[in-house]
Amino acid sequence: MKHLEDRLERFETLTAECELIAKLATDSSKREFYLKLGEQYRQLAVDIRQAIATTAAA
């Protein structure tokens, strides 16, 4: 379970970093890239939260 929690924290951190980079980007293609990448990390965090909830319920 600790491994999943570590992964969740990492994906949340990466999401925040991508959002920050996107806000600071002056190039629109880079901005779009980091927004999409942040969304992918956000979805991974959601998936990990669900895995943690499933494991805790078992």
PDB file of N, CA and C in Angstrom:
ATOM      1  N   MET A   1       0.830  -1.191   0.000  1.00  0.00           N
ATOM      2  CA  MET A   1       0.000   0.000   0.000  1.00  0.00           C
ATOM      3  C   MET A   1       0.877   1.258   0.000  1.00  0.00           C
ATOM      4  N   LYS A   2       1.981   1.237   0.699  1.00  0.00           N
ATOM      5  CA  LYS A   2       2.883   2.386   0.757  1.00  0.00           C
ATOM      6  C   LYS A   2       3.381   2.737  -0.640  1.00  0.00           C
ATOM      7  N   HIS A   3       3.631   1.716  -1.453  1.00  0.00           N
ATOM      8  CA  HIS A   3       4.093   1.937  -2.825  1.00  0.00           C
ATOM      9  C   HIS A   3       3.049   2.734  -3.608  1.00  0.00           C
ATOM     10  N   LEU A   4       1.782   2.385  -3.461  1.00  0.00           N
ATOM     11  CA  LEU A   4       0.715   3.101  -4.162  1.00  0.00           C
ATOM     12  C   LEU A   4       0.608   4.540  -3.678  1.00  0.00           C
ATOM     13  N   GLU A   5       0.740   4.737  -2.386  1.00  0.00           N
ATOM     14  CA  GLU A   5       0.672   6.093  -1.836  1.00  0.00           C
ATOM     15  C   GLU A   5       1.837   6.947  -2.327  1.00  0.00           C
ATOM     16  N   ASP A   6       3.019   6.332  -2.443  1.00  0.00           N
ATOM     17  CA  ASP A   6       4.179   7.049  -2.981  1.00  0.00           C
ATOM     18  C   ASP A   6       3.942   7.441  -4.432  1.00  0.00           C
ATOM     19  N   ARG A   7       3.378   6.516  -5.200  1.00  0.00           N
ATOM     20  CA  ARG A   7       3.069   6.792  -6.607  1.00  0.00           C
ATOM     21  C   ARG A   7       2.042   7.919  -6.721  1.00  0.00           C
ATOM     22  N   LEU A   8       1.025   7.883  -5.877  1.00  0.00           N
ATOM     23  CA  LEU A   8      -0.004   8.914  -5.891  1.00  0.00           C
ATOM     24  C   LEU A   8       0.620  10.283  -5.638  1.00  0.00           C
ATOM     25  N   GLU A   9       1.463  10.363  -4.639  1.00  0.00           N
ATOM     26  CA  GLU A   9       2.122  11.624  -4.322  1.00  0.00           C
ATOM     27  C   GLU A   9       2.966  12.102  -5.502  1.00  0.00           C
ATOM     28  N   ARG A  10       3.673  11.185  -6.138  1.00  0.00           N
ATOM     29  CA  ARG A  10       4.522  11.550  -7.283  1.00  0.00           C
ATOM     30  C   ARG A  10       3.673  12.078  -8.445  1.00  0.00           C
ATOM     31  N   PHE A  11       2.566  11.409  -8.762  1.00  0.00           N
ATOM     32  CA  PHE A  11       1.718  11.855  -9.866  1.00  0.00           C
ATOM     33  C   PHE A  11       1.072  13.208  -9.562  1.00  0.00           C
ATOM     34  N   GLU A  12       0.709  13.435  -8.311  1.00  0.00           N
ATOM     35  CA  GLU A  12       0.144  14.735  -7.935  1.00  0.00           C
ATOM     36  C   GLU A  12       1.189  15.842  -8.070  1.00  0.00           C
ATOM     37  N   THR A  13       2.418  15.542  -7.696  1.00  0.00           N
ATOM     38  CA  THR A  13       3.506  16.507  -7.835  1.00  0.00           C
ATOM     39  C   THR A  13       3.770  16.814  -9.306  1.00  0.00           C
ATOM     40  N   LEU A  14       3.819  15.773 -10.124  1.00  0.00           N
ATOM     41  CA  LEU A  14       4.054  15.969 -11.552  1.00  0.00           C
ATOM     42  C   LEU A  14       2.926  16.769 -12.191  1.00  0.00           C
ATOM     43  N   THR A  15       1.701  16.523 -11.764  1.00  0.00           N
ATOM     44  CA  THR A  15       0.560  17.287 -12.280  1.00  0.00           C
ATOM     45  C   THR A  15       0.745  18.773 -11.977  1.00  0.00           C
ATOM     46  N   ALA A  16       1.072  19.081 -10.743  1.00  0.00           N
ATOM     47  CA  ALA A  16       1.262  20.485 -10.344  1.00  0.00           C
ATOM     48  C   ALA A  16       2.418  21.124 -11.106  1.00  0.00           C
ATOM     49  N   GLU A  17       3.498  20.395 -11.293  1.00  0.00           N
ATOM     50  CA  GLU A  17       4.642  20.932 -12.019  1.00  0.00           C
ATOM     51  C   GLU A  17       4.287  21.219 -13.471  1.00  0.00           C
ATOM     52  N   CYS A  18       3.568  20.313 -14.105  1.00  0.00           N
ATOM     53  CA  CYS A  18       3.151  20.522 -15.496  1.00  0.00           C
ATOM     54  C   CYS A  18       2.230  21.730 -15.619  1.00  0.00           C
ATOM     55  N   GLU A  19       1.322  21.892 -14.668  1.00  0.00           N
ATOM     56  CA  GLU A  19       0.424  23.044 -14.702  1.00  0.00           C
ATOM     57  C   GLU A  19       1.201  24.347 -14.552  1.00  0.00           C
ATOM     58  N   LEU A  20       2.187  24.351 -13.688  1.00  0.00           N
ATOM     59  CA  LEU A  20       3.009  25.542 -13.500  1.00  0.00           C
ATOM     60  C   LEU A  20       3.802  25.860 -14.765  1.00  0.00           C
ATOM     61  N   ILE A  21       4.420  24.854 -15.349  1.00  0.00           N
ATOM     62  CA  ILE A  21       5.187  25.059 -16.576  1.00  0.00           C
ATOM     63  C   ILE A  21       4.271  25.581 -17.680  1.00  0.00           C
ATOM     64  N   ALA A  22       3.080  25.023 -17.773  1.00  0.00           N
ATOM     65  CA  ALA A  22       2.129  25.466 -18.799  1.00  0.00           C
ATOM     66  C   ALA A  22       1.758  26.935 -18.600  1.00  0.00           C
ATOM     67  N   LYS A  23       1.579  27.351 -17.364  1.00  0.00           N
ATOM     68  CA  LYS A  23       1.235  28.748 -17.087  1.00  0.00           C
ATOM     69  C   LYS A  23       2.369  29.694 -17.459  1.00  0.00           C
ATOM     70  N   LEU A  24       3.590  29.222 -17.293  1.00  0.00           N
ATOM     71  CA  LEU A  24       4.752  30.065 -17.545  1.00  0.00           C
ATOM     72  C   LEU A  24       5.219  30.020 -18.996  1.00  0.00           C
ATOM     73  N   ALA A  25       4.754  29.033 -19.745  1.00  0.00           N
ATOM     74  CA  ALA A  25       5.215  28.862 -21.126  1.00  0.00           C
ATOM     75  C   ALA A  25       4.743  30.012 -22.004  1.00  0.00           C
ATOM     76  N   THR A  26       5.660  30.510 -22.813  1.00  0.00           N
ATOM     77  CA  THR A  26       5.308  31.563 -23.758  1.00  0.00           C
ATOM     78  C   THR A  26       4.974  30.977 -25.125  1.00  0.00           C
ATOM     79  N   ASP A  27       5.441  29.787 -25.395  1.00  0.00           N
ATOM     80  CA  ASP A  27       5.169  29.095 -26.648  1.00  0.00           C
ATOM     81  C   ASP A  27       3.866  28.305 -26.508  1.00  0.00           C
ATOM     82  N   SER A  28       2.921  28.577 -27.373  1.00  0.00           N
ATOM     83  CA  SER A  28       1.602  27.940 -27.253  1.00  0.00           C
ATOM     84  C   SER A  28       1.663  26.428 -27.431  1.00  0.00           C
ATOM     85  N   SER A  29       2.562  25.919 -28.262  1.00  0.00           N
ATOM     86  CA  SER A  29       2.652  24.466 -28.439  1.00  0.00           C
ATOM     87  C   SER A  29       3.199  23.803 -27.174  1.00  0.00           C
ATOM     88  N   LYS A  30       4.149  24.450 -26.516  1.00  0.00           N
ATOM     89  CA  LYS A  30       4.670  23.906 -25.258  1.00  0.00           C
ATOM     90  C   LYS A  30       3.607  23.997 -24.165  1.00  0.00           C
ATOM     91  N   ARG A  31       2.874  25.090 -24.160  1.00  0.00           N
ATOM     92  CA  ARG A  31       1.796  25.246 -23.177  1.00  0.00           C
ATOM     93  C   ARG A  31       0.791  24.103 -23.323  1.00  0.00           C
ATOM     94  N   GLU A  32       0.386  23.850 -24.548  1.00  0.00           N
ATOM     95  CA  GLU A  32      -0.577  22.777 -24.813  1.00  0.00           C
ATOM     96  C   GLU A  32      -0.009  21.417 -24.436  1.00  0.00           C
ATOM     97  N   PHE A  33       1.259  21.183 -24.742  1.00  0.00           N
ATOM     98  CA  PHE A  33       1.913  19.925 -24.394  1.00  0.00           C
ATOM     99  C   PHE A  33       1.870  19.681 -22.889  1.00  0.00           C
ATOM    100  N   TYR A  34       2.252  20.692 -22.110  1.00  0.00           N
ATOM    101  CA  TYR A  34       2.292  20.519 -20.659  1.00  0.00           C
ATOM    102  C   TYR A  34       0.900  20.429 -20.044  1.00  0.00           C
ATOM    103  N   LEU A  35      -0.075  21.077 -20.648  1.00  0.00           N
ATOM    104  CA  LEU A  35      -1.447  20.921 -20.166  1.00  0.00           C
ATOM    105  C   LEU A  35      -1.933  19.486 -20.379  1.00  0.00           C
ATOM    106  N   LYS A  36      -1.643  18.935 -21.550  1.00  0.00           N
ATOM    107  CA  LYS A  36      -2.042  17.549 -21.835  1.00  0.00           C
ATOM    108  C   LYS A  36      -1.296  16.566 -20.942  1.00  0.00           C
ATOM    109  N   LEU A  37      -0.005  16.810 -20.762  1.00  0.00           N
ATOM    110  CA  LEU A  37       0.788  15.938 -19.905  1.00  0.00           C
ATOM    111  C   LEU A  37       0.279  15.981 -18.469  1.00  0.00           C
ATOM    112  N   GLY A  38      -0.062  17.170 -17.998  1.00  0.00           N
ATOM    113  CA  GLY A  38      -0.620  17.311 -16.658  1.00  0.00           C
ATOM    114  C   GLY A  38      -1.929  16.557 -16.513  1.00  0.00           C
ATOM    115  N   GLU A  39      -2.762  16.584 -17.546  1.00  0.00           N
ATOM    116  CA  GLU A  39      -4.023  15.839 -17.514  1.00  0.00           C
ATOM    117  C   GLU A  39      -3.776  14.337 -17.430  1.00  0.00           C
ATOM    118  N   GLN A  40      -2.774  13.863 -18.140  1.00  0.00           N
ATOM    119  CA  GLN A  40      -2.449  12.437 -18.088  1.00  0.00           C
ATOM    120  C   GLN A  40      -1.991  12.042 -16.683  1.00  0.00           C
ATOM    121  N   TYR A  41      -1.160  12.874 -16.077  1.00  0.00           N
ATOM    122  CA  TYR A  41      -0.721  12.600 -14.703  1.00  0.00           C
ATOM    123  C   TYR A  41      -1.898  12.673 -13.735  1.00  0.00           C
ATOM    124  N   ARG A  42      -2.819  13.611 -13.960  1.00  0.00           N
ATOM    125  CA  ARG A  42      -3.997  13.723 -13.108  1.00  0.00           C
ATOM    126  C   ARG A  42      -4.837  12.439 -13.196  1.00  0.00           C
ATOM    127  N   GLN A  43      -4.997  11.908 -14.402  1.00  0.00           N
ATOM    128  CA  GLN A  43      -5.768  10.679 -14.565  1.00  0.00           C
ATOM    129  C   GLN A  43      -5.065   9.496 -13.897  1.00  0.00           C
ATOM    130  N   LEU A  44      -3.762   9.449 -13.979  1.00  0.00           N
ATOM    131  CA  LEU A  44      -3.020   8.395 -13.291  1.00  0.00           C
ATOM    132  C   LEU A  44      -3.222   8.503 -11.777  1.00  0.00           C
ATOM    133  N   ALA A  45      -3.245   9.721 -11.254  1.00  0.00           N
ATOM    134  CA  ALA A  45      -3.486   9.913  -9.822  1.00  0.00           C
ATOM    135  C   ALA A  45      -4.880   9.423  -9.443  1.00  0.00           C
ATOM    136  N   VAL A  46      -5.874   9.699 -10.287  1.00  0.00           N
ATOM    137  CA  VAL A  46      -7.235   9.215 -10.029  1.00  0.00           C
ATOM    138  C   VAL A  46      -7.255   7.686 -10.012  1.00  0.00           C
ATOM    139  N   ASP A  47      -6.567   7.081 -10.969  1.00  0.00           N
ATOM    140  CA  ASP A  47      -6.518   5.618 -11.030  1.00  0.00           C
ATOM    141  C   ASP A  47      -5.846   5.027  -9.785  1.00  0.00           C
ATOM    142  N   ILE A  48      -4.787   5.664  -9.339  1.00  0.00           N
ATOM    143  CA  ILE A  48      -4.085   5.183  -8.139  1.00  0.00           C
ATOM    144  C   ILE A  48      -4.976   5.344  -6.904  1.00  0.00           C
ATOM    145  N   ARG A  49      -5.704   6.463  -6.807  1.00  0.00           N
ATOM    146  CA  ARG A  49      -6.635   6.644  -5.677  1.00  0.00           C
ATOM    147  C   ARG A  49      -7.667   5.521  -5.655  1.00  0.00           C
ATOM    148  N   GLN A  50      -8.175   5.150  -6.817  1.00  0.00           N
ATOM    149  CA  GLN A  50      -9.152   4.066  -6.902  1.00  0.00           C
ATOM    150  C   GLN A  50      -8.520   2.737  -6.481  1.00  0.00           C
ATOM    151  N   ALA A  51      -7.282   2.513  -6.885  1.00  0.00           N
ATOM    152  CA  ALA A  51      -6.586   1.277  -6.499  1.00  0.00           C
ATOM    153  C   ALA A  51      -6.388   1.236  -4.987  1.00  0.00           C
ATOM    154  N   ILE A  52      -6.038   2.365  -4.395  1.00  0.00           N
ATOM    155  CA  ILE A  52      -5.842   2.429  -2.946  1.00  0.00           C
ATOM    156  C   ILE A  52      -7.171   2.142  -2.240  1.00  0.00           C
ATOM    157  N   ALA A  53      -8.250   2.743  -2.732  1.00  0.00           N
ATOM    158  CA  ALA A  53      -9.569   2.524  -2.117  1.00  0.00           C
ATOM    159  C   ALA A  53      -9.991   1.063  -2.236  1.00  0.00           C
ATOM    160  N   THR A  54      -9.724   0.467  -3.372  1.00  0.00           N
ATOM    161  CA  THR A  54     -10.066  -0.946  -3.583  1.00  0.00           C
ATOM    162  C   THR A  54      -9.251  -1.850  -2.666  1.00  0.00           C
ATOM    163  N   THR A  55      -7.963  -1.543  -2.546  1.00  0.00           N
ATOM    164  CA  THR A  55      -7.101  -2.337  -1.677  1.00  0.00           C
ATOM    165  C   THR A  55      -7.487  -2.176  -0.215  1.00  0.00           C
ATOM    166  N   ALA A  56      -7.850  -0.981   0.187  1.00  0.00           N
ATOM    167  CA  ALA A  56      -8.247  -0.730   1.570  1.00  0.00           C
ATOM    168  C   ALA A  56      -9.567  -1.413   1.904  1.00  0.00           C
ATOM    169  N   ALA A  57     -10.457  -1.509   0.913  1.00  0.00           N
ATOM    170  CA  ALA A  57     -11.760  -2.129   1.140  1.00  0.00           C
ATOM    171  C   ALA A  57     -11.663  -3.652   1.205  1.00  0.00           C
ATOM    172  N   ALA A  58     -10.605  -4.206   0.629  1.00  0.00           N
ATOM    173  CA  ALA A  58     -10.470  -5.674   0.587  1.00  0.00           C
ATOM    174  C   ALA A  58      -9.989  -6.254   1.896  1.00  0.00           C
TER     175      ALA A  58
END
